[in-house]
N, C-alpha and C. Protein backbone atom coordinates (compact mmCIF):
# COMPACT_ATOMS: atom_id res chain seq x y z
N VAL A 1 -32.22 99.28 181.08
CA VAL A 1 -32.31 99.80 182.44
C VAL A 1 -31.40 98.94 183.31
N GLN A 2 -30.55 99.64 184.09
CA GLN A 2 -29.70 98.91 185.06
C GLN A 2 -30.15 99.38 186.45
N LEU A 3 -30.21 98.37 187.36
CA LEU A 3 -30.64 98.62 188.71
C LEU A 3 -29.55 98.23 189.71
N GLN A 4 -29.38 99.10 190.72
CA GLN A 4 -28.41 98.85 191.76
C GLN A 4 -29.05 98.97 193.09
N ALA A 5 -29.21 97.89 193.86
CA ALA A 5 -29.85 97.87 195.14
C ALA A 5 -28.79 98.01 196.22
N SER A 6 -29.15 98.71 197.31
CA SER A 6 -28.22 98.90 198.45
C SER A 6 -29.04 99.14 199.69
N GLY A 7 -28.36 99.11 200.84
CA GLY A 7 -28.97 99.45 202.10
C GLY A 7 -29.28 98.29 203.02
N GLY A 8 -29.03 97.08 202.61
CA GLY A 8 -29.26 95.95 203.47
C GLY A 8 -28.31 95.91 204.63
N GLY A 9 -28.59 94.98 205.53
CA GLY A 9 -27.70 94.85 206.70
C GLY A 9 -28.32 93.96 207.76
N LEU A 10 -27.70 94.01 208.94
CA LEU A 10 -28.19 93.23 210.07
C LEU A 10 -28.85 94.15 211.08
N VAL A 11 -30.05 93.79 211.49
CA VAL A 11 -30.77 94.62 212.41
C VAL A 11 -31.56 93.73 213.41
N GLN A 12 -31.80 94.25 214.59
CA GLN A 12 -32.55 93.48 215.57
C GLN A 12 -34.03 93.58 215.27
N ALA A 13 -34.79 92.61 215.69
CA ALA A 13 -36.25 92.62 215.52
C ALA A 13 -36.82 93.92 216.12
N GLY A 14 -37.72 94.52 215.41
CA GLY A 14 -38.28 95.80 215.81
C GLY A 14 -37.59 96.98 215.21
N GLY A 15 -36.43 96.76 214.62
CA GLY A 15 -35.68 97.85 214.04
C GLY A 15 -36.11 98.24 212.66
N SER A 16 -35.35 99.10 212.03
CA SER A 16 -35.68 99.64 210.73
C SER A 16 -34.46 99.65 209.81
N LEU A 17 -34.77 99.51 208.54
CA LEU A 17 -33.75 99.66 207.47
C LEU A 17 -34.40 100.35 206.31
N ARG A 18 -33.60 101.04 205.49
CA ARG A 18 -34.11 101.66 204.30
C ARG A 18 -33.26 101.18 203.11
N LEU A 19 -33.92 100.53 202.19
CA LEU A 19 -33.27 100.04 200.95
C LEU A 19 -33.42 101.08 199.85
N SER A 20 -32.44 101.15 199.06
CA SER A 20 -32.43 102.06 197.86
C SER A 20 -32.21 101.27 196.58
N CYS A 21 -32.83 101.70 195.54
CA CYS A 21 -32.62 101.10 194.25
C CYS A 21 -32.41 102.23 193.23
N ALA A 22 -31.19 102.29 192.73
CA ALA A 22 -30.84 103.32 191.76
C ALA A 22 -30.96 102.80 190.36
N ALA A 23 -31.71 103.46 189.54
CA ALA A 23 -31.88 103.03 188.13
C ALA A 23 -31.13 103.93 187.20
N SER A 24 -30.54 103.38 186.15
CA SER A 24 -29.87 104.11 185.15
C SER A 24 -30.22 103.54 183.77
N GLY A 25 -29.89 104.28 182.75
CA GLY A 25 -30.22 103.84 181.39
C GLY A 25 -31.56 104.37 181.00
N ARG A 26 -32.33 103.64 180.22
CA ARG A 26 -33.58 104.10 179.66
C ARG A 26 -34.74 103.95 180.67
N THR A 27 -34.61 104.69 181.79
CA THR A 27 -35.60 104.57 182.85
C THR A 27 -36.98 105.02 182.41
N PHE A 28 -37.07 105.86 181.39
CA PHE A 28 -38.36 106.36 180.95
C PHE A 28 -39.17 105.24 180.30
N SER A 29 -38.49 104.14 179.95
CA SER A 29 -39.14 103.03 179.27
C SER A 29 -39.85 102.07 180.24
N SER A 30 -39.72 102.31 181.55
CA SER A 30 -40.32 101.43 182.54
C SER A 30 -41.57 102.05 183.13
N ALA A 31 -42.53 101.20 183.52
CA ALA A 31 -43.78 101.65 184.06
C ALA A 31 -43.72 101.89 185.56
N GLY A 32 -42.79 101.19 186.23
CA GLY A 32 -42.71 101.32 187.67
C GLY A 32 -41.66 100.34 188.21
N MET A 33 -41.52 100.34 189.49
CA MET A 33 -40.51 99.50 190.16
C MET A 33 -41.13 98.75 191.30
N ALA A 34 -40.44 97.70 191.67
CA ALA A 34 -40.95 96.83 192.76
C ALA A 34 -39.79 96.30 193.53
N TRP A 35 -40.10 95.80 194.73
CA TRP A 35 -39.19 95.07 195.57
C TRP A 35 -39.77 93.61 195.74
N PHE A 36 -38.87 92.64 195.59
CA PHE A 36 -39.15 91.28 195.89
C PHE A 36 -38.14 90.82 196.90
N ARG A 37 -38.38 89.67 197.53
CA ARG A 37 -37.41 89.11 198.46
C ARG A 37 -37.39 87.57 198.27
N GLN A 38 -36.28 87.01 198.62
CA GLN A 38 -36.11 85.57 198.56
C GLN A 38 -35.33 85.08 199.77
N ALA A 39 -35.99 84.26 200.57
CA ALA A 39 -35.36 83.63 201.71
C ALA A 39 -34.78 82.29 201.30
N PRO A 40 -33.79 81.79 202.05
CA PRO A 40 -33.16 80.51 201.70
C PRO A 40 -34.21 79.40 201.57
N GLY A 41 -34.13 78.70 200.48
CA GLY A 41 -35.05 77.55 200.27
C GLY A 41 -36.47 77.91 199.87
N LYS A 42 -36.71 79.21 199.67
CA LYS A 42 -38.05 79.68 199.29
C LYS A 42 -38.04 80.37 197.92
N GLU A 43 -39.20 80.48 197.35
CA GLU A 43 -39.32 81.18 196.10
C GLU A 43 -39.27 82.70 196.32
N ARG A 44 -38.91 83.40 195.26
CA ARG A 44 -38.90 84.87 195.30
C ARG A 44 -40.33 85.36 195.45
N GLU A 45 -40.58 86.27 196.37
CA GLU A 45 -41.91 86.75 196.61
C GLU A 45 -42.01 88.27 196.52
N PHE A 46 -43.19 88.70 196.12
CA PHE A 46 -43.47 90.14 195.96
C PHE A 46 -43.53 90.81 197.33
N VAL A 47 -42.96 92.01 197.44
CA VAL A 47 -43.01 92.79 198.65
C VAL A 47 -43.80 94.08 198.46
N ALA A 48 -43.42 94.86 197.47
CA ALA A 48 -44.08 96.15 197.24
C ALA A 48 -43.77 96.66 195.84
N ALA A 49 -44.64 97.51 195.31
CA ALA A 49 -44.42 98.07 193.97
C ALA A 49 -45.00 99.48 193.93
N ILE A 50 -44.46 100.29 192.97
CA ILE A 50 -44.92 101.65 192.80
C ILE A 50 -44.91 102.01 191.33
N ARG A 51 -45.96 102.65 190.88
CA ARG A 51 -46.04 103.11 189.50
C ARG A 51 -45.28 104.43 189.41
N TRP A 52 -44.63 104.66 188.27
CA TRP A 52 -43.99 105.94 188.02
C TRP A 52 -45.06 107.06 187.94
N SER A 53 -46.16 106.76 187.32
CA SER A 53 -47.22 107.74 187.15
C SER A 53 -48.19 107.62 188.27
N GLY A 54 -48.49 108.72 188.97
CA GLY A 54 -49.51 108.72 190.00
C GLY A 54 -49.07 108.22 191.34
N TYR A 55 -47.86 107.67 191.45
CA TYR A 55 -47.34 107.20 192.70
C TYR A 55 -48.19 106.10 193.35
N THR A 56 -48.99 105.40 192.62
CA THR A 56 -49.82 104.30 193.15
C THR A 56 -48.90 103.18 193.69
N THR A 57 -49.22 102.71 194.89
CA THR A 57 -48.40 101.73 195.53
C THR A 57 -49.16 100.44 195.80
N TYR A 58 -48.46 99.32 195.94
CA TYR A 58 -49.04 98.00 196.19
C TYR A 58 -48.12 97.29 197.20
N TYR A 59 -48.72 96.56 198.09
CA TYR A 59 -47.97 95.88 199.13
C TYR A 59 -48.47 94.44 199.33
N ALA A 60 -47.54 93.58 199.69
CA ALA A 60 -47.90 92.23 200.14
C ALA A 60 -48.55 92.38 201.50
N GLY A 61 -49.47 91.45 201.82
CA GLY A 61 -50.14 91.57 203.08
C GLY A 61 -49.23 91.46 204.27
N SER A 62 -48.16 90.68 204.13
CA SER A 62 -47.21 90.45 205.22
C SER A 62 -46.42 91.69 205.65
N VAL A 63 -46.36 92.69 204.75
CA VAL A 63 -45.55 93.88 205.05
C VAL A 63 -46.40 95.15 205.11
N LYS A 64 -47.67 95.07 204.77
CA LYS A 64 -48.48 96.27 204.78
C LYS A 64 -48.59 96.86 206.12
N GLY A 65 -48.41 98.16 206.19
CA GLY A 65 -48.39 98.86 207.50
C GLY A 65 -47.02 98.95 208.12
N ARG A 66 -46.05 98.14 207.66
CA ARG A 66 -44.70 98.21 208.19
C ARG A 66 -43.70 98.74 207.17
N PHE A 67 -43.90 98.42 205.90
CA PHE A 67 -43.02 98.85 204.84
C PHE A 67 -43.66 99.95 204.03
N THR A 68 -42.84 100.85 203.53
CA THR A 68 -43.32 101.90 202.61
C THR A 68 -42.41 102.02 201.42
N ILE A 69 -42.99 101.95 200.21
CA ILE A 69 -42.21 102.12 199.00
C ILE A 69 -42.44 103.55 198.51
N SER A 70 -41.37 104.15 197.99
CA SER A 70 -41.50 105.51 197.48
C SER A 70 -40.48 105.69 196.33
N ARG A 71 -40.60 106.80 195.64
CA ARG A 71 -39.68 107.01 194.54
C ARG A 71 -39.51 108.52 194.34
N ASP A 72 -38.44 108.86 193.62
CA ASP A 72 -38.20 110.27 193.35
C ASP A 72 -38.90 110.67 192.06
N SER A 73 -39.06 111.99 191.85
CA SER A 73 -39.78 112.49 190.68
C SER A 73 -39.06 112.26 189.39
N ALA A 74 -37.77 112.01 189.45
CA ALA A 74 -37.00 111.79 188.24
C ALA A 74 -37.06 110.36 187.76
N LYS A 75 -37.72 109.47 188.55
CA LYS A 75 -37.86 108.06 188.20
C LYS A 75 -36.51 107.38 188.09
N THR A 76 -35.59 107.81 188.99
CA THR A 76 -34.29 107.18 188.95
C THR A 76 -33.99 106.40 190.22
N THR A 77 -34.77 106.64 191.30
CA THR A 77 -34.50 105.97 192.57
C THR A 77 -35.82 105.56 193.21
N ALA A 78 -35.81 104.35 193.78
CA ALA A 78 -36.93 103.91 194.59
C ALA A 78 -36.38 103.46 195.92
N TRP A 79 -37.13 103.67 196.94
CA TRP A 79 -36.77 103.27 198.28
C TRP A 79 -37.78 102.33 198.93
N LEU A 80 -37.32 101.53 199.84
CA LEU A 80 -38.18 100.71 200.64
C LEU A 80 -37.84 100.90 202.09
N GLN A 81 -38.69 101.65 202.79
CA GLN A 81 -38.52 101.90 204.19
C GLN A 81 -39.15 100.74 204.94
N MET A 82 -38.37 100.04 205.75
CA MET A 82 -38.83 98.83 206.46
C MET A 82 -38.77 99.13 207.96
N ASN A 83 -39.93 99.16 208.59
CA ASN A 83 -40.01 99.38 210.01
C ASN A 83 -40.56 98.12 210.71
N SER A 84 -40.40 98.09 212.01
CA SER A 84 -40.93 96.95 212.78
C SER A 84 -40.49 95.66 212.19
N LEU A 85 -39.25 95.53 211.86
CA LEU A 85 -38.78 94.32 211.20
C LEU A 85 -38.92 93.11 212.06
N LYS A 86 -39.16 91.97 211.40
CA LYS A 86 -39.32 90.71 212.10
C LYS A 86 -38.27 89.71 211.54
N PRO A 87 -37.94 88.69 212.31
CA PRO A 87 -37.00 87.65 211.80
C PRO A 87 -37.47 87.03 210.49
N GLU A 88 -38.75 86.93 210.26
CA GLU A 88 -39.26 86.34 209.02
C GLU A 88 -39.09 87.25 207.80
N ASP A 89 -38.64 88.51 208.08
CA ASP A 89 -38.33 89.40 206.94
C ASP A 89 -36.93 89.14 206.38
N THR A 90 -36.18 88.29 207.07
CA THR A 90 -34.84 87.97 206.61
C THR A 90 -34.84 87.37 205.25
N ALA A 91 -34.10 87.95 204.31
CA ALA A 91 -34.10 87.51 202.89
C ALA A 91 -33.12 88.41 202.11
N VAL A 92 -32.88 87.96 200.90
CA VAL A 92 -32.18 88.83 199.95
C VAL A 92 -33.31 89.63 199.26
N TYR A 93 -33.14 90.93 199.26
CA TYR A 93 -34.16 91.82 198.66
C TYR A 93 -33.64 92.27 197.28
N TYR A 94 -34.54 92.16 196.30
CA TYR A 94 -34.23 92.52 194.90
C TYR A 94 -35.14 93.65 194.47
N CYS A 95 -34.62 94.63 193.78
CA CYS A 95 -35.48 95.63 193.11
C CYS A 95 -35.61 95.21 191.64
N ALA A 96 -36.74 95.59 191.08
CA ALA A 96 -37.03 95.19 189.70
C ALA A 96 -37.83 96.31 189.03
N ALA A 97 -37.73 96.40 187.70
CA ALA A 97 -38.46 97.40 186.92
C ALA A 97 -39.22 96.67 185.81
N ALA A 98 -40.43 97.23 185.57
CA ALA A 98 -41.27 96.62 184.52
C ALA A 98 -41.51 97.56 183.37
N ARG A 99 -41.38 97.05 182.14
CA ARG A 99 -41.72 97.90 180.96
C ARG A 99 -43.26 98.08 180.89
N GLY A 100 -43.97 97.04 181.23
CA GLY A 100 -45.42 97.12 181.20
C GLY A 100 -45.98 97.50 182.53
N SER A 101 -47.16 97.04 182.82
CA SER A 101 -47.82 97.39 184.11
C SER A 101 -47.08 96.67 185.25
N VAL A 102 -47.03 97.36 186.38
CA VAL A 102 -46.46 96.72 187.55
C VAL A 102 -47.44 95.67 188.04
N ALA A 103 -46.91 94.61 188.64
CA ALA A 103 -47.71 93.51 189.09
C ALA A 103 -47.02 92.85 190.31
N THR A 104 -47.65 91.81 190.80
CA THR A 104 -47.09 91.13 191.96
C THR A 104 -46.31 89.90 191.59
N THR A 105 -46.17 89.61 190.31
CA THR A 105 -45.51 88.37 189.84
C THR A 105 -44.12 88.65 189.31
N VAL A 106 -43.21 87.75 189.52
CA VAL A 106 -41.84 87.85 189.07
C VAL A 106 -41.79 88.09 187.55
N GLY A 107 -42.62 87.35 186.86
CA GLY A 107 -42.58 87.39 185.38
C GLY A 107 -42.97 88.75 184.75
N ALA A 108 -43.57 89.63 185.53
CA ALA A 108 -43.98 90.90 184.98
C ALA A 108 -42.81 91.89 184.88
N TYR A 109 -41.65 91.55 185.44
CA TYR A 109 -40.55 92.48 185.53
C TYR A 109 -39.43 92.09 184.60
N ASP A 110 -38.91 93.11 183.92
CA ASP A 110 -37.93 92.93 182.88
C ASP A 110 -36.50 93.17 183.30
N TYR A 111 -36.31 93.94 184.37
CA TYR A 111 -34.97 94.31 184.79
C TYR A 111 -34.88 94.01 186.30
N TRP A 112 -33.69 93.52 186.70
CA TRP A 112 -33.48 93.16 188.10
C TRP A 112 -32.18 93.68 188.59
N GLY A 113 -32.14 94.10 189.86
CA GLY A 113 -30.93 94.45 190.50
C GLY A 113 -30.25 93.20 191.11
N GLN A 114 -29.08 93.41 191.71
CA GLN A 114 -28.30 92.27 192.16
C GLN A 114 -28.72 91.74 193.50
N GLY A 115 -29.56 92.42 194.24
CA GLY A 115 -29.99 91.96 195.54
C GLY A 115 -29.15 92.50 196.66
N THR A 116 -29.81 92.69 197.82
CA THR A 116 -29.11 93.11 199.00
C THR A 116 -29.66 92.34 200.19
N GLN A 117 -28.76 91.85 201.05
CA GLN A 117 -29.14 90.94 202.17
C GLN A 117 -29.68 91.74 203.31
N VAL A 118 -30.85 91.32 203.80
CA VAL A 118 -31.43 91.84 205.00
C VAL A 118 -31.53 90.70 206.02
N THR A 119 -30.93 90.90 207.19
CA THR A 119 -30.97 89.86 208.24
C THR A 119 -31.54 90.51 209.51
N VAL A 120 -32.61 89.91 210.00
CA VAL A 120 -33.26 90.41 211.22
C VAL A 120 -33.06 89.37 212.33
N SER A 121 -32.39 89.78 213.39
CA SER A 121 -32.10 88.87 214.47
C SER A 121 -33.21 89.01 215.55
N SER A 122 -33.47 87.87 216.19
CA SER A 122 -34.54 87.91 217.25
C SER A 122 -33.99 88.22 218.61
């Protein structure tokens, strides 16, 4: 599975961005997709995840109610709609796919995209 993330950019606090993650290859072999983020000097952290079956979603507490993860029925694209952005959301955002169950830990994911920069100015 190959993942390509896009949609990052510079936005003012309170603004919105929509990230996309396009999957190619053996996408049927994955259980779901997730978004993680990594700010300078910090560890990569879980943001949101979605199962391919049933559309079940999971969110980190810091983004719940502001971010929405979704995916298409073909299991080839996942999106992260980010609203009410805050300066602390600034990070490189990575999409990831898991062969097994989706989870909130980096180690649960087998495939990673290249990352897209999100910068929120105050």
